[in-house]
Amino acid sequence: MAIRLPRVVSAKKVPKGYFAVYVGENLKRFVIPVSFLNQPSFQDLLALSEEEFGYSHPTGGLRIPCDEDLFLDVTSRLN
């Protein structure tokens, strides 16, 4: 007998070419372009995430352990 789990549907869908990250103590959600992954300054933020959480993100989303102001400063320079 198989167990059927309910399908989880997010009310906030992420458009193609973007991904969601969660930033700061309040886990504020930001949807950012995939192209940011190639940027050295964004890769530094990803390194912080790896140091803090490894590759396990129990919330199901990528969490970046910095304050929102720093995140906004870094990403505003990437646009």
PDB file of N, CA and C in Angstrom:
ATOM      1  N   MET A   1       0.833  -1.172   0.000  1.00  0.00           N
ATOM      2  CA  MET A   1       0.000   0.000   0.000  1.00  0.00           C
ATOM      3  C   MET A   1       0.888   1.248   0.000  1.00  0.00           C
ATOM      4  N   ALA A   2       0.719   2.113  -0.955  1.00  0.00           N
ATOM      5  CA  ALA A   2       1.524   3.323  -1.071  1.00  0.00           C
ATOM      6  C   ALA A   2       0.863   4.475  -0.320  1.00  0.00           C
ATOM      7  N   ILE A   3       1.688   5.312   0.243  1.00  0.00           N
ATOM      8  CA  ILE A   3       1.197   6.501   0.932  1.00  0.00           C
ATOM      9  C   ILE A   3       1.312   7.675  -0.021  1.00  0.00           C
ATOM     10  N   ARG A   4       0.236   8.399  -0.200  1.00  0.00           N
ATOM     11  CA  ARG A   4       0.255   9.568  -1.080  1.00  0.00           C
ATOM     12  C   ARG A   4       0.406  10.812  -0.236  1.00  0.00           C
ATOM     13  N   LEU A   5       1.460  11.555  -0.518  1.00  0.00           N
ATOM     14  CA  LEU A   5       1.682  12.810   0.180  1.00  0.00           C
ATOM     15  C   LEU A   5       0.992  13.933  -0.588  1.00  0.00           C
ATOM     16  N   PRO A   6       0.472  14.914   0.113  1.00  0.00           N
ATOM     17  CA  PRO A   6      -0.149  16.030  -0.591  1.00  0.00           C
ATOM     18  C   PRO A   6       0.896  16.827  -1.362  1.00  0.00           C
ATOM     19  N   ARG A   7       0.511  17.305  -2.508  1.00  0.00           N
ATOM     20  CA  ARG A   7       1.413  18.101  -3.324  1.00  0.00           C
ATOM     21  C   ARG A   7       1.521  19.494  -2.722  1.00  0.00           C
ATOM     22  N   VAL A   8       2.742  19.939  -2.517  1.00  0.00           N
ATOM     23  CA  VAL A   8       2.968  21.269  -1.954  1.00  0.00           C
ATOM     24  C   VAL A   8       3.012  22.263  -3.106  1.00  0.00           C
ATOM     25  N   VAL A   9       2.156  23.231  -3.057  1.00  0.00           N
ATOM     26  CA  VAL A   9       2.106  24.250  -4.095  1.00  0.00           C
ATOM     27  C   VAL A   9       2.399  25.590  -3.450  1.00  0.00           C
ATOM     28  N   SER A  10       3.413  26.255  -3.950  1.00  0.00           N
ATOM     29  CA  SER A  10       3.783  27.552  -3.398  1.00  0.00           C
ATOM     30  C   SER A  10       2.896  28.626  -4.003  1.00  0.00           C
ATOM     31  N   ALA A  11       2.427  29.512  -3.161  1.00  0.00           N
ATOM     32  CA  ALA A  11       1.621  30.624  -3.644  1.00  0.00           C
ATOM     33  C   ALA A  11       2.488  31.621  -4.401  1.00  0.00           C
ATOM     34  N   LYS A  12       3.756  31.604  -4.119  1.00  0.00           N
ATOM     35  CA  LYS A  12       4.690  32.522  -4.768  1.00  0.00           C
ATOM     36  C   LYS A  12       5.581  31.721  -5.703  1.00  0.00           C
ATOM     37  N   LYS A  13       5.204  31.637  -6.936  1.00  0.00           N
ATOM     38  CA  LYS A  13       5.992  30.886  -7.899  1.00  0.00           C
ATOM     39  C   LYS A  13       7.189  31.708  -8.349  1.00  0.00           C
ATOM     40  N   VAL A  14       8.281  31.011  -8.631  1.00  0.00           N
ATOM     41  CA  VAL A  14       9.504  31.646  -9.084  1.00  0.00           C
ATOM     42  C   VAL A  14       9.543  31.562 -10.605  1.00  0.00           C
ATOM     43  N   PRO A  15       9.698  32.701 -11.282  1.00  0.00           N
ATOM     44  CA  PRO A  15       9.738  32.676 -12.746  1.00  0.00           C
ATOM     45  C   PRO A  15      10.973  31.942 -13.271  1.00  0.00           C
ATOM     46  N   LYS A  16      10.875  31.460 -14.474  1.00  0.00           N
ATOM     47  CA  LYS A  16      11.995  30.784 -15.116  1.00  0.00           C
ATOM     48  C   LYS A  16      13.179  31.743 -15.191  1.00  0.00           C
ATOM     49  N   GLY A  17      14.355  31.237 -14.870  1.00  0.00           N
ATOM     50  CA  GLY A  17      15.562  32.058 -14.901  1.00  0.00           C
ATOM     51  C   GLY A  17      15.855  32.764 -13.586  1.00  0.00           C
ATOM     52  N   TYR A  18      15.067  32.479 -12.562  1.00  0.00           N
ATOM     53  CA  TYR A  18      15.247  33.081 -11.242  1.00  0.00           C
ATOM     54  C   TYR A  18      15.227  31.989 -10.190  1.00  0.00           C
ATOM     55  N   PHE A  19      15.686  32.324  -8.982  1.00  0.00           N
ATOM     56  CA  PHE A  19      15.566  31.407  -7.859  1.00  0.00           C
ATOM     57  C   PHE A  19      15.371  32.202  -6.582  1.00  0.00           C
ATOM     58  N   ALA A  20      14.846  31.533  -5.583  1.00  0.00           N
ATOM     59  CA  ALA A  20      14.542  32.202  -4.315  1.00  0.00           C
ATOM     60  C   ALA A  20      15.632  31.907  -3.294  1.00  0.00           C
ATOM     61  N   VAL A  21      15.965  32.934  -2.511  1.00  0.00           N
ATOM     62  CA  VAL A  21      16.864  32.779  -1.378  1.00  0.00           C
ATOM     63  C   VAL A  21      16.208  33.409  -0.164  1.00  0.00           C
ATOM     64  N   TYR A  22      16.623  32.972   0.996  1.00  0.00           N
ATOM     65  CA  TYR A  22      16.098  33.497   2.252  1.00  0.00           C
ATOM     66  C   TYR A  22      17.248  34.131   3.017  1.00  0.00           C
ATOM     67  N   VAL A  23      17.046  35.389   3.431  1.00  0.00           N
ATOM     68  CA  VAL A  23      18.139  36.197   3.964  1.00  0.00           C
ATOM     69  C   VAL A  23      17.773  36.746   5.340  1.00  0.00           C
ATOM     70  N   GLY A  24      18.784  36.783   6.212  1.00  0.00           N
ATOM     71  CA  GLY A  24      18.633  37.430   7.508  1.00  0.00           C
ATOM     72  C   GLY A  24      17.940  36.578   8.547  1.00  0.00           C
ATOM     73  N   GLU A  25      17.830  37.149   9.736  1.00  0.00           N
ATOM     74  CA  GLU A  25      17.204  36.431  10.852  1.00  0.00           C
ATOM     75  C   GLU A  25      15.728  36.152  10.618  1.00  0.00           C
ATOM     76  N   ASN A  26      15.065  37.040   9.893  1.00  0.00           N
ATOM     77  CA  ASN A  26      13.634  36.873   9.626  1.00  0.00           C
ATOM     78  C   ASN A  26      13.359  36.048   8.379  1.00  0.00           C
ATOM     79  N   LEU A  27      14.415  35.572   7.739  1.00  0.00           N
ATOM     80  CA  LEU A  27      14.309  34.767   6.514  1.00  0.00           C
ATOM     81  C   LEU A  27      13.457  35.445   5.448  1.00  0.00           C
ATOM     82  N   LYS A  28      13.798  36.682   5.160  1.00  0.00           N
ATOM     83  CA  LYS A  28      13.081  37.405   4.107  1.00  0.00           C
ATOM     84  C   LYS A  28      13.405  36.763   2.762  1.00  0.00           C
ATOM     85  N   ARG A  29      12.385  36.555   1.976  1.00  0.00           N
ATOM     86  CA  ARG A  29      12.519  35.864   0.685  1.00  0.00           C
ATOM     87  C   ARG A  29      12.810  36.870  -0.416  1.00  0.00           C
ATOM     88  N   PHE A  30      13.846  36.576  -1.203  1.00  0.00           N
ATOM     89  CA  PHE A  30      14.189  37.369  -2.372  1.00  0.00           C
ATOM     90  C   PHE A  30      14.237  36.446  -3.575  1.00  0.00           C
ATOM     91  N   VAL A  31      13.714  36.910  -4.693  1.00  0.00           N
ATOM     92  CA  VAL A  31      13.781  36.168  -5.951  1.00  0.00           C
ATOM     93  C   VAL A  31      14.770  36.901  -6.836  1.00  0.00           C
ATOM     94  N   ILE A  32      15.837  36.201  -7.193  1.00  0.00           N
ATOM     95  CA  ILE A  32      16.935  36.842  -7.920  1.00  0.00           C
ATOM     96  C   ILE A  32      17.266  36.056  -9.180  1.00  0.00           C
ATOM     97  N   PRO A  33      17.896  36.721 -10.151  1.00  0.00           N
ATOM     98  CA  PRO A  33      18.228  36.035 -11.413  1.00  0.00           C
ATOM     99  C   PRO A  33      19.316  34.983 -11.227  1.00  0.00           C
ATOM    100  N   VAL A  34      19.222  33.916 -11.967  1.00  0.00           N
ATOM    101  CA  VAL A  34      20.218  32.851 -11.955  1.00  0.00           C
ATOM    102  C   VAL A  34      21.585  33.391 -12.371  1.00  0.00           C
ATOM    103  N   SER A  35      21.618  34.430 -13.184  1.00  0.00           N
ATOM    104  CA  SER A  35      22.883  35.002 -13.653  1.00  0.00           C
ATOM    105  C   SER A  35      23.757  35.493 -12.497  1.00  0.00           C
ATOM    106  N   PHE A  36      23.170  35.772 -11.334  1.00  0.00           N
ATOM    107  CA  PHE A  36      23.950  36.200 -10.174  1.00  0.00           C
ATOM    108  C   PHE A  36      24.918  35.107  -9.721  1.00  0.00           C
ATOM    109  N   LEU A  37      24.629  33.858 -10.032  1.00  0.00           N
ATOM    110  CA  LEU A  37      25.478  32.755  -9.601  1.00  0.00           C
ATOM    111  C   LEU A  37      26.888  32.846 -10.168  1.00  0.00           C
ATOM    112  N   ASN A  38      27.050  33.527 -11.282  1.00  0.00           N
ATOM    113  CA  ASN A  38      28.369  33.669 -11.909  1.00  0.00           C
ATOM    114  C   ASN A  38      29.178  34.822 -11.341  1.00  0.00           C
ATOM    115  N   GLN A  39      28.590  35.650 -10.524  1.00  0.00           N
ATOM    116  CA  GLN A  39      29.241  36.852 -10.016  1.00  0.00           C
ATOM    117  C   GLN A  39      30.072  36.534  -8.761  1.00  0.00           C
ATOM    118  N   PRO A  40      31.361  36.949  -8.749  1.00  0.00           N
ATOM    119  CA  PRO A  40      32.221  36.655  -7.595  1.00  0.00           C
ATOM    120  C   PRO A  40      31.673  37.168  -6.263  1.00  0.00           C
ATOM    121  N   SER A  41      31.060  38.345  -6.239  1.00  0.00           N
ATOM    122  CA  SER A  41      30.543  38.869  -4.972  1.00  0.00           C
ATOM    123  C   SER A  41      29.362  38.041  -4.463  1.00  0.00           C
ATOM    124  N   PHE A  42      28.546  37.515  -5.377  1.00  0.00           N
ATOM    125  CA  PHE A  42      27.450  36.652  -4.953  1.00  0.00           C
ATOM    126  C   PHE A  42      27.983  35.288  -4.527  1.00  0.00           C
ATOM    127  N   GLN A  43      29.033  34.833  -5.181  1.00  0.00           N
ATOM    128  CA  GLN A  43      29.652  33.571  -4.790  1.00  0.00           C
ATOM    129  C   GLN A  43      30.216  33.658  -3.371  1.00  0.00           C
ATOM    130  N   ASP A  44      30.661  34.848  -2.964  1.00  0.00           N
ATOM    131  CA  ASP A  44      31.113  35.039  -1.586  1.00  0.00           C
ATOM    132  C   ASP A  44      29.954  34.817  -0.609  1.00  0.00           C
ATOM    133  N   LEU A  45      28.767  35.307  -0.964  1.00  0.00           N
ATOM    134  CA  LEU A  45      27.591  35.075  -0.110  1.00  0.00           C
ATOM    135  C   LEU A  45      27.242  33.588  -0.044  1.00  0.00           C
ATOM    136  N   LEU A  46      27.397  32.905  -1.170  1.00  0.00           N
ATOM    137  CA  LEU A  46      27.135  31.463  -1.186  1.00  0.00           C
ATOM    138  C   LEU A  46      28.148  30.713  -0.320  1.00  0.00           C
ATOM    139  N   ALA A  47      29.382  31.201  -0.290  1.00  0.00           N
ATOM    140  CA  ALA A  47      30.399  30.579   0.562  1.00  0.00           C
ATOM    141  C   ALA A  47      30.026  30.733   2.033  1.00  0.00           C
ATOM    142  N   LEU A  48      29.461  31.896   2.400  1.00  0.00           N
ATOM    143  CA  LEU A  48      28.976  32.089   3.778  1.00  0.00           C
ATOM    144  C   LEU A  48      27.898  31.060   4.111  1.00  0.00           C
ATOM    145  N   SER A  49      27.016  30.841   3.159  1.00  0.00           N
ATOM    146  CA  SER A  49      25.940  29.876   3.352  1.00  0.00           C
ATOM    147  C   SER A  49      26.501  28.467   3.534  1.00  0.00           C
ATOM    148  N   GLU A  50      27.488  28.125   2.735  1.00  0.00           N
ATOM    149  CA  GLU A  50      28.097  26.799   2.844  1.00  0.00           C
ATOM    150  C   GLU A  50      28.781  26.627   4.199  1.00  0.00           C
ATOM    151  N   GLU A  51      29.485  27.660   4.659  1.00  0.00           N
ATOM    152  CA  GLU A  51      30.157  27.584   5.957  1.00  0.00           C
ATOM    153  C   GLU A  51      29.157  27.400   7.097  1.00  0.00           C
ATOM    154  N   GLU A  52      28.052  28.119   7.007  1.00  0.00           N
ATOM    155  CA  GLU A  52      27.052  28.099   8.081  1.00  0.00           C
ATOM    156  C   GLU A  52      26.198  26.830   8.078  1.00  0.00           C
ATOM    157  N   PHE A  53      25.753  26.425   6.896  1.00  0.00           N
ATOM    158  CA  PHE A  53      24.763  25.346   6.798  1.00  0.00           C
ATOM    159  C   PHE A  53      25.252  24.107   6.063  1.00  0.00           C
ATOM    160  N   GLY A  54      26.388  24.186   5.416  1.00  0.00           N
ATOM    161  CA  GLY A  54      26.820  23.078   4.566  1.00  0.00           C
ATOM    162  C   GLY A  54      25.889  23.018   3.360  1.00  0.00           C
ATOM    163  N   TYR A  55      25.564  21.829   2.949  1.00  0.00           N
ATOM    164  CA  TYR A  55      24.656  21.687   1.812  1.00  0.00           C
ATOM    165  C   TYR A  55      23.263  21.265   2.249  1.00  0.00           C
ATOM    166  N   SER A  56      23.012  21.340   3.543  1.00  0.00           N
ATOM    167  CA  SER A  56      21.704  20.981   4.076  1.00  0.00           C
ATOM    168  C   SER A  56      20.950  22.237   4.477  1.00  0.00           C
ATOM    169  N   HIS A  57      19.861  22.494   3.817  1.00  0.00           N
ATOM    170  CA  HIS A  57      19.023  23.649   4.127  1.00  0.00           C
ATOM    171  C   HIS A  57      17.652  23.130   4.531  1.00  0.00           C
ATOM    172  N   PRO A  58      17.443  22.941   5.840  1.00  0.00           N
ATOM    173  CA  PRO A  58      16.211  22.306   6.305  1.00  0.00           C
ATOM    174  C   PRO A  58      14.930  23.070   5.970  1.00  0.00           C
ATOM    175  N   THR A  59      15.039  24.355   5.678  1.00  0.00           N
ATOM    176  CA  THR A  59      13.837  25.109   5.331  1.00  0.00           C
ATOM    177  C   THR A  59      13.390  24.823   3.906  1.00  0.00           C
ATOM    178  N   GLY A  60      14.228  24.111   3.141  1.00  0.00           N
ATOM    179  CA  GLY A  60      13.869  23.767   1.779  1.00  0.00           C
ATOM    180  C   GLY A  60      14.334  24.781   0.763  1.00  0.00           C
ATOM    181  N   GLY A  61      14.797  25.930   1.225  1.00  0.00           N
ATOM    182  CA  GLY A  61      15.289  26.957   0.323  1.00  0.00           C
ATOM    183  C   GLY A  61      16.708  27.334   0.692  1.00  0.00           C
ATOM    184  N   LEU A  62      17.381  27.984  -0.222  1.00  0.00           N
ATOM    185  CA  LEU A  62      18.742  28.420   0.018  1.00  0.00           C
ATOM    186  C   LEU A  62      18.728  29.597   0.989  1.00  0.00           C
ATOM    187  N   ARG A  63      19.393  29.430   2.110  1.00  0.00           N
ATOM    188  CA  ARG A  63      19.437  30.476   3.134  1.00  0.00           C
ATOM    189  C   ARG A  63      20.816  31.113   3.129  1.00  0.00           C
ATOM    190  N   ILE A  64      20.853  32.442   3.100  1.00  0.00           N
ATOM    191  CA  ILE A  64      22.112  33.174   3.124  1.00  0.00           C
ATOM    192  C   ILE A  64      22.207  33.902   4.460  1.00  0.00           C
ATOM    193  N   PRO A  65      23.236  33.571   5.264  1.00  0.00           N
ATOM    194  CA  PRO A  65      23.341  34.110   6.622  1.00  0.00           C
ATOM    195  C   PRO A  65      24.021  35.481   6.677  1.00  0.00           C
ATOM    196  N   CYS A  66      23.350  36.474   6.172  1.00  0.00           N
ATOM    197  CA  CYS A  66      23.840  37.847   6.295  1.00  0.00           C
ATOM    198  C   CYS A  66      22.623  38.736   6.502  1.00  0.00           C
ATOM    199  N   ASP A  67      22.843  39.974   6.907  1.00  0.00           N
ATOM    200  CA  ASP A  67      21.681  40.832   7.100  1.00  0.00           C
ATOM    201  C   ASP A  67      21.163  41.325   5.751  1.00  0.00           C
ATOM    202  N   GLU A  68      19.932  41.751   5.769  1.00  0.00           N
ATOM    203  CA  GLU A  68      19.265  42.151   4.523  1.00  0.00           C
ATOM    204  C   GLU A  68      19.960  43.330   3.843  1.00  0.00           C
ATOM    205  N   ASP A  69      20.484  44.264   4.646  1.00  0.00           N
ATOM    206  CA  ASP A  69      21.151  45.434   4.066  1.00  0.00           C
ATOM    207  C   ASP A  69      22.382  45.037   3.266  1.00  0.00           C
ATOM    208  N   LEU A  70      23.182  44.121   3.808  1.00  0.00           N
ATOM    209  CA  LEU A  70      24.364  43.649   3.085  1.00  0.00           C
ATOM    210  C   LEU A  70      23.952  42.944   1.801  1.00  0.00           C
ATOM    211  N   PHE A  71      22.936  42.092   1.893  1.00  0.00           N
ATOM    212  CA  PHE A  71      22.460  41.371   0.717  1.00  0.00           C
ATOM    213  C   PHE A  71      21.992  42.343  -0.362  1.00  0.00           C
ATOM    214  N   LEU A  72      21.215  43.338   0.034  1.00  0.00           N
ATOM    215  CA  LEU A  72      20.724  44.321  -0.930  1.00  0.00           C
ATOM    216  C   LEU A  72      21.863  45.136  -1.527  1.00  0.00           C
ATOM    217  N   ASP A  73      22.872  45.447  -0.723  1.00  0.00           N
ATOM    218  CA  ASP A  73      24.029  46.190  -1.221  1.00  0.00           C
ATOM    219  C   ASP A  73      24.772  45.377  -2.281  1.00  0.00           C
ATOM    220  N   VAL A  74      25.020  44.107  -1.992  1.00  0.00           N
ATOM    221  CA  VAL A  74      25.738  43.256  -2.934  1.00  0.00           C
ATOM    222  C   VAL A  74      24.933  43.061  -4.207  1.00  0.00           C
ATOM    223  N   THR A  75      23.668  42.722  -4.084  1.00  0.00           N
ATOM    224  CA  THR A  75      22.877  42.436  -5.279  1.00  0.00           C
ATOM    225  C   THR A  75      22.572  43.690  -6.094  1.00  0.00           C
ATOM    226  N   SER A  76      22.518  44.854  -5.452  1.00  0.00           N
ATOM    227  CA  SER A  76      22.265  46.079  -6.224  1.00  0.00           C
ATOM    228  C   SER A  76      23.438  46.411  -7.139  1.00  0.00           C
ATOM    229  N   ARG A  77      24.602  45.981  -6.771  1.00  0.00           N
ATOM    230  CA  ARG A  77      25.799  46.206  -7.604  1.00  0.00           C
ATOM    231  C   ARG A  77      25.863  45.240  -8.784  1.00  0.00           C
ATOM    232  N   LEU A  78      25.078  44.186  -8.726  1.00  0.00           N
ATOM    233  CA  LEU A  78      25.084  43.180  -9.797  1.00  0.00           C
ATOM    234  C   LEU A  78      24.120  43.521 -10.922  1.00  0.00           C
ATOM    235  N   ASN A  79      23.210  44.419 -10.704  1.00  0.00           N
ATOM    236  CA  ASN A  79      22.218  44.758 -11.733  1.00  0.00           C
ATOM    237  C   ASN A  79      22.808  45.571 -12.845  1.00  0.00           C
TER     238      ASN A  79
END
